[in-house]
Amino acid sequence: MRTGSRVWRLTGPGGGTWYLKRHRSAKFHDREVAAYRSWVPALGERAPRLVAAATDAQALVVTALPGHPLHGMALGADDEARVQQALGRLVSALHSSAPELPAAAATAADKIKRHLDGARPYLADGDEDLVLALARAYADLPKPTLVPTHGDLQYRNVLLDGDEPLLFDFERSEYNTATRDMVRLSDAWTGRPDLRAAFLNGYGRALTPAEELRLDCEAAFDAVSGVAYGTSHDDPEVTERGHRTLRRLRTQRP
C-alpha cells in the first residue's frame, strides 16, 4: 500500500496470523473501521474480518487472507476474464451492502483546477482541454445515487485464492458513485473489452449512458490527480497509469 499507512504481520505463539495496520490519519482510520464494521461483513470470507481497533493509536488488527497478490500476476486471457467476472460479483455485493443514498449536486471544478495546476507541466497536448470538457459534462449529469465503495479498487488490493478474488485495504471506503469504484480497475480493461464485459457480467448489469459518461469523467479526474501525485512523490507507476488513462480517453472520445 502506498498510502503512508504502516502494516505489520503478527503471528500468535500457538499459531494463527493477523495484520496490524496503523493509519497515517484519523480519516483513513475511521473510514476503514467503519467499513469493516458495516459493509465488509457482506463479503464473508472474501475479505478480512476486524479483530480489534484502537482510535487513539489510529490502528486496527484484521484477520489474514489466503492467496497471492493479483498485482503483477501473469494470467491467461480466459483466466483473467474469470477473475474479472468474480470481481464483478464481489463489488456488487459491496455496493449492495447498505442502502443507496442520494448525492448532492456534482461539481469538480475546484478540485480539478488544483490537480491541473500540479499536473500541467507533464500533460500531453490536448489533455487539459479534454479534462476541462469532461468537467463541464460532469456538472451537467443528473445527480447519481451513492453506494458503499472500496475507494481504491485495483489489482494491487486484490488477492487471488485459486480462482477466487479476495478484497482488502478499505481505508478509502466511503459512499460514492458505483462508477468511481470502477475507475482504477478499468485500467486493466484497456485494450481488453472482454475483461470489461466479464466484470459487468459478474456485476449483474450494464452501465447506463449517464454512468458511461460519468466513468469517463471520473477516470480523467483520477488520471490528472495521479499525474500530479506521481510526479511530486516519485511514483512512476501511478504517473504512468494517469498518462495511459488520458491517452485512452483522447483516443476513444470524438
Protein backbone atom coordinates (compact mmCIF):
# COMPACT_ATOMS: atom_id res chain seq x y z
CA MET A 1 0.00 0.00 0.00
CA ARG A 2 1.34 3.43 -0.92
CA THR A 3 -0.79 5.35 1.49
CA GLY A 4 1.66 6.16 4.26
CA SER A 5 -0.05 3.60 6.50
CA ARG A 6 2.21 1.01 8.11
CA VAL A 7 1.39 -2.70 8.29
CA TRP A 8 2.88 -5.48 10.40
CA ARG A 9 2.31 -9.23 10.14
CA LEU A 10 1.58 -10.81 13.53
CA THR A 11 1.98 -14.50 14.37
CA GLY A 12 0.49 -15.98 17.53
CA PRO A 13 2.57 -18.25 19.77
CA GLY A 14 0.04 -21.03 19.24
CA GLY A 15 -0.37 -20.37 15.53
CA GLY A 16 -2.56 -18.01 13.59
CA THR A 17 -1.74 -14.88 11.61
CA TRP A 18 -3.16 -11.37 11.79
CA TYR A 19 -2.23 -7.97 10.37
CA LEU A 20 -1.78 -4.81 12.42
CA LYS A 21 -2.25 -1.58 10.49
CA ARG A 22 -1.53 1.92 11.74
CA HIS A 23 -3.10 4.66 9.66
CA ARG A 24 -1.49 7.91 8.66
CA SER A 25 -4.59 9.92 9.55
CA ALA A 26 -7.78 9.73 11.57
CA LYS A 27 -9.79 9.99 8.35
CA PHE A 28 -8.38 6.79 6.89
CA HIS A 29 -8.65 5.01 10.25
CA ASP A 30 -12.29 5.98 10.71
CA ARG A 31 -13.18 5.01 7.15
CA GLU A 32 -11.59 1.58 7.37
CA VAL A 33 -13.00 0.73 10.79
CA ALA A 34 -16.47 1.85 9.71
CA ALA A 35 -16.25 -0.25 6.55
CA TYR A 36 -15.17 -3.37 8.46
CA ARG A 37 -18.00 -2.91 10.93
CA SER A 38 -20.78 -2.14 8.50
CA TRP A 39 -20.12 -3.12 4.86
CA VAL A 40 -17.30 -5.66 4.68
CA PRO A 41 -19.17 -8.45 6.54
CA ALA A 42 -21.39 -8.75 3.45
CA LEU A 43 -18.34 -10.13 1.61
CA GLY A 44 -17.94 -13.04 4.02
CA GLU A 45 -14.65 -14.91 3.71
CA ARG A 46 -13.67 -12.87 0.63
CA ALA A 47 -12.37 -10.03 2.84
CA PRO A 48 -10.59 -9.75 6.21
CA ARG A 49 -12.51 -9.58 9.48
CA LEU A 50 -11.91 -6.82 12.02
CA VAL A 51 -10.41 -8.20 15.24
CA ALA A 52 -9.66 -5.01 17.17
CA ALA A 53 -9.47 -1.24 16.67
CA ALA A 54 -7.81 1.49 18.73
CA THR A 55 -8.91 5.01 17.88
CA ASP A 56 -6.22 6.72 19.98
CA ALA A 57 -3.45 4.85 18.15
CA GLN A 58 -5.26 5.01 14.77
CA ALA A 59 -4.64 1.29 14.46
CA LEU A 60 -6.57 -1.88 13.78
CA VAL A 61 -6.00 -5.63 13.62
CA VAL A 62 -7.60 -7.81 10.95
CA THR A 63 -7.51 -11.48 10.07
CA ALA A 64 -5.17 -12.74 7.38
CA LEU A 65 -6.36 -13.89 3.97
CA PRO A 66 -5.11 -16.79 1.87
CA GLY A 67 -3.94 -16.35 -1.68
CA HIS A 68 -1.37 -14.34 -3.62
CA PRO A 69 -1.33 -10.72 -4.85
CA LEU A 70 -3.15 -10.30 -8.15
CA HIS A 71 -0.97 -7.27 -8.96
CA GLY A 72 1.85 -8.42 -11.23
CA MET A 73 0.45 -11.93 -11.66
CA ALA A 74 0.64 -13.35 -15.20
CA LEU A 75 -2.73 -14.81 -16.13
CA GLY A 76 -4.02 -16.25 -19.37
CA ALA A 77 -6.78 -14.33 -21.15
CA ASP A 78 -9.53 -16.74 -20.09
CA ASP A 79 -8.30 -16.92 -16.50
CA GLU A 80 -8.17 -13.13 -16.19
CA ALA A 81 -11.69 -12.85 -17.59
CA ARG A 82 -12.91 -15.30 -14.95
CA VAL A 83 -11.20 -13.23 -12.26
CA GLN A 84 -12.85 -10.07 -13.56
CA GLN A 85 -16.25 -11.74 -13.54
CA ALA A 86 -15.73 -12.86 -9.94
CA LEU A 87 -14.57 -9.36 -9.04
CA GLY A 88 -17.78 -8.01 -10.53
CA ARG A 89 -19.78 -10.26 -8.20
CA LEU A 90 -17.65 -9.19 -5.24
CA VAL A 91 -18.01 -5.49 -5.97
CA SER A 92 -21.74 -5.88 -6.50
CA ALA A 93 -22.01 -7.44 -3.03
CA LEU A 94 -20.12 -4.50 -1.53
CA HIS A 95 -22.18 -1.90 -3.39
CA SER A 96 -25.41 -3.51 -2.17
CA SER A 97 -24.25 -4.00 1.43
CA ALA A 98 -26.15 -0.90 2.63
CA PRO A 99 -28.96 1.28 1.26
CA GLU A 100 -28.22 3.76 -1.53
CA LEU A 101 -28.09 7.45 -0.68
CA PRO A 102 -28.89 10.49 -2.86
CA ALA A 103 -25.92 12.58 -3.98
CA ALA A 104 -25.53 16.32 -3.77
CA ALA A 105 -25.08 18.31 -6.97
CA ALA A 106 -21.98 17.15 -8.83
CA THR A 107 -19.15 19.65 -9.04
CA ALA A 108 -15.49 19.01 -9.72
CA ALA A 109 -14.25 22.40 -10.86
CA ASP A 110 -12.19 23.47 -7.83
CA LYS A 111 -10.56 20.08 -7.27
CA ILE A 112 -9.79 19.62 -10.96
CA LYS A 113 -8.18 23.06 -11.17
CA ARG A 114 -5.92 22.20 -8.26
CA HIS A 115 -4.86 18.90 -9.80
CA LEU A 116 -4.35 20.50 -13.22
CA ASP A 117 -2.05 23.10 -11.66
CA GLY A 118 0.15 20.28 -10.36
CA ALA A 119 -0.02 18.10 -13.46
CA ARG A 120 0.08 20.70 -16.25
CA PRO A 121 3.87 20.58 -16.92
CA TYR A 122 3.62 16.83 -17.50
CA LEU A 123 0.47 16.61 -19.63
CA ALA A 124 0.40 15.88 -23.34
CA ASP A 125 -1.18 18.20 -25.90
CA GLY A 126 -4.95 18.07 -25.61
CA ASP A 127 -5.04 16.57 -22.11
CA GLU A 128 -6.07 19.75 -20.32
CA ASP A 129 -8.78 20.58 -22.86
CA LEU A 130 -10.11 17.02 -22.54
CA VAL A 131 -10.26 17.18 -18.75
CA LEU A 132 -11.95 20.59 -18.70
CA ALA A 133 -14.52 19.43 -21.25
CA LEU A 134 -15.27 16.37 -19.12
CA ALA A 135 -15.56 18.57 -16.01
CA ARG A 136 -18.23 20.61 -17.79
CA ALA A 137 -20.04 17.45 -18.89
CA TYR A 138 -19.82 16.06 -15.36
CA ALA A 139 -21.56 19.12 -13.94
CA ASP A 140 -24.47 18.58 -16.33
CA LEU A 141 -25.02 14.92 -15.46
CA PRO A 142 -28.09 14.00 -13.41
CA LYS A 143 -27.42 13.53 -9.72
CA PRO A 144 -26.39 9.91 -9.08
CA THR A 145 -27.15 7.67 -6.16
CA LEU A 146 -24.26 6.75 -3.85
CA VAL A 147 -23.34 3.27 -2.67
CA PRO A 148 -20.74 1.80 -0.29
CA THR A 149 -17.47 1.72 -2.25
CA HIS A 150 -13.98 0.33 -1.72
CA GLY A 151 -12.39 3.59 -2.88
CA ASP A 152 -9.16 2.11 -4.30
CA LEU A 153 -10.30 -0.84 -6.35
CA GLN A 154 -7.35 -2.10 -8.36
CA TYR A 155 -5.32 -5.30 -8.70
CA ARG A 156 -2.93 -4.05 -6.00
CA ASN A 157 -5.68 -4.52 -3.40
CA VAL A 158 -6.83 -7.94 -4.53
CA LEU A 159 -5.54 -11.38 -3.57
CA LEU A 160 -6.27 -14.45 -5.67
CA ASP A 161 -7.05 -17.69 -3.86
CA GLY A 162 -7.39 -20.24 -6.63
CA ASP A 163 -9.93 -18.61 -8.95
CA GLU A 164 -11.47 -16.54 -6.16
CA PRO A 165 -10.53 -12.85 -5.73
CA LEU A 166 -10.33 -11.50 -2.18
CA LEU A 167 -10.52 -7.80 -1.36
CA PHE A 168 -8.56 -5.88 1.29
CA ASP A 169 -7.41 -2.35 2.24
CA PHE A 170 -10.63 -0.46 2.90
CA GLU A 171 -9.15 2.79 4.23
CA ARG A 172 -10.57 4.80 1.32
CA SER A 173 -14.04 3.32 1.64
CA GLU A 174 -16.91 5.77 1.50
CA TYR A 175 -20.30 6.36 0.00
CA ASN A 176 -19.60 7.27 -3.62
CA THR A 177 -20.81 6.53 -7.13
CA ALA A 178 -20.65 2.93 -8.30
CA THR A 179 -18.59 4.06 -11.30
CA ARG A 180 -15.97 5.71 -9.09
CA ASP A 181 -15.14 2.24 -7.82
CA MET A 182 -14.52 1.08 -11.40
CA VAL A 183 -12.09 3.86 -12.36
CA ARG A 184 -8.78 2.29 -11.36
CA LEU A 185 -9.90 -1.24 -12.11
CA SER A 186 -10.79 -0.10 -15.64
CA ASP A 187 -7.09 0.44 -16.33
CA ALA A 188 -6.90 -3.35 -16.69
CA TRP A 189 -9.64 -3.16 -19.33
CA THR A 190 -7.55 -1.03 -21.73
CA GLY A 191 -7.39 -2.97 -24.99
CA ARG A 192 -9.34 -5.81 -23.34
CA PRO A 193 -13.09 -5.34 -23.91
CA ASP A 194 -13.53 -8.97 -22.84
CA LEU A 195 -12.39 -8.07 -19.33
CA ARG A 196 -14.81 -5.16 -19.12
CA ALA A 197 -17.65 -7.37 -20.33
CA ALA A 198 -16.70 -10.09 -17.84
CA PHE A 199 -16.67 -7.65 -14.91
CA LEU A 200 -20.06 -6.16 -15.80
CA ASN A 201 -21.46 -9.65 -16.33
CA GLY A 202 -20.42 -10.51 -12.78
CA TYR A 203 -21.62 -7.14 -11.52
CA GLY A 204 -25.04 -8.05 -12.81
CA ARG A 205 -25.88 -5.18 -15.13
CA ALA A 206 -24.58 -2.91 -17.86
CA LEU A 207 -23.85 0.76 -17.21
CA THR A 208 -26.39 3.34 -18.27
CA PRO A 209 -25.33 6.02 -20.81
CA ALA A 210 -25.07 8.55 -17.94
CA GLU A 211 -22.88 6.13 -15.99
CA GLU A 212 -20.66 5.54 -19.03
CA LEU A 213 -20.03 9.29 -19.27
CA ARG A 214 -19.59 9.59 -15.51
CA LEU A 215 -16.99 6.81 -15.61
CA ASP A 216 -15.04 8.68 -18.30
CA CYS A 217 -15.21 11.90 -16.28
CA GLU A 218 -14.11 10.26 -13.05
CA ALA A 219 -11.33 8.40 -14.86
CA ALA A 220 -9.99 11.66 -16.28
CA PHE A 221 -10.11 13.37 -12.89
CA ASP A 222 -8.33 10.44 -11.25
CA ALA A 223 -5.72 10.42 -14.03
CA VAL A 224 -4.84 14.10 -13.58
CA SER A 225 -4.69 13.59 -9.83
CA GLY A 226 -2.41 10.58 -10.39
CA VAL A 227 -0.05 12.52 -12.66
CA ALA A 228 0.14 15.36 -10.15
CA TYR A 229 0.70 12.99 -7.22
CA GLY A 230 3.02 10.58 -9.01
CA THR A 231 5.36 13.25 -10.34
CA SER A 232 5.60 15.01 -6.98
CA HIS A 233 6.04 11.80 -4.95
CA ASP A 234 8.36 9.91 -7.34
CA ASP A 235 5.76 7.23 -8.07
CA PRO A 236 6.23 6.29 -11.74
CA GLU A 237 3.56 3.58 -11.67
CA VAL A 238 0.80 5.97 -10.62
CA THR A 239 2.11 8.60 -13.06
CA GLU A 240 2.08 6.20 -15.99
CA ARG A 241 -1.39 4.94 -15.15
CA GLY A 242 -2.61 8.53 -15.33
CA HIS A 243 -0.97 9.12 -18.71
CA ARG A 244 -2.30 5.82 -20.01
CA THR A 245 -5.85 6.73 -18.98
CA LEU A 246 -5.68 10.16 -20.62
CA ARG A 247 -4.34 8.63 -23.86
CA ARG A 248 -7.20 6.15 -23.86
CA LEU A 249 -9.80 8.84 -23.29
CA ARG A 250 -8.35 11.07 -26.02
CA THR A 251 -8.45 8.16 -28.45
CA GLN A 252 -11.98 6.98 -27.72
CA ARG A 253 -13.69 10.35 -27.47
CA PRO A 254 -14.66 12.34 -30.62
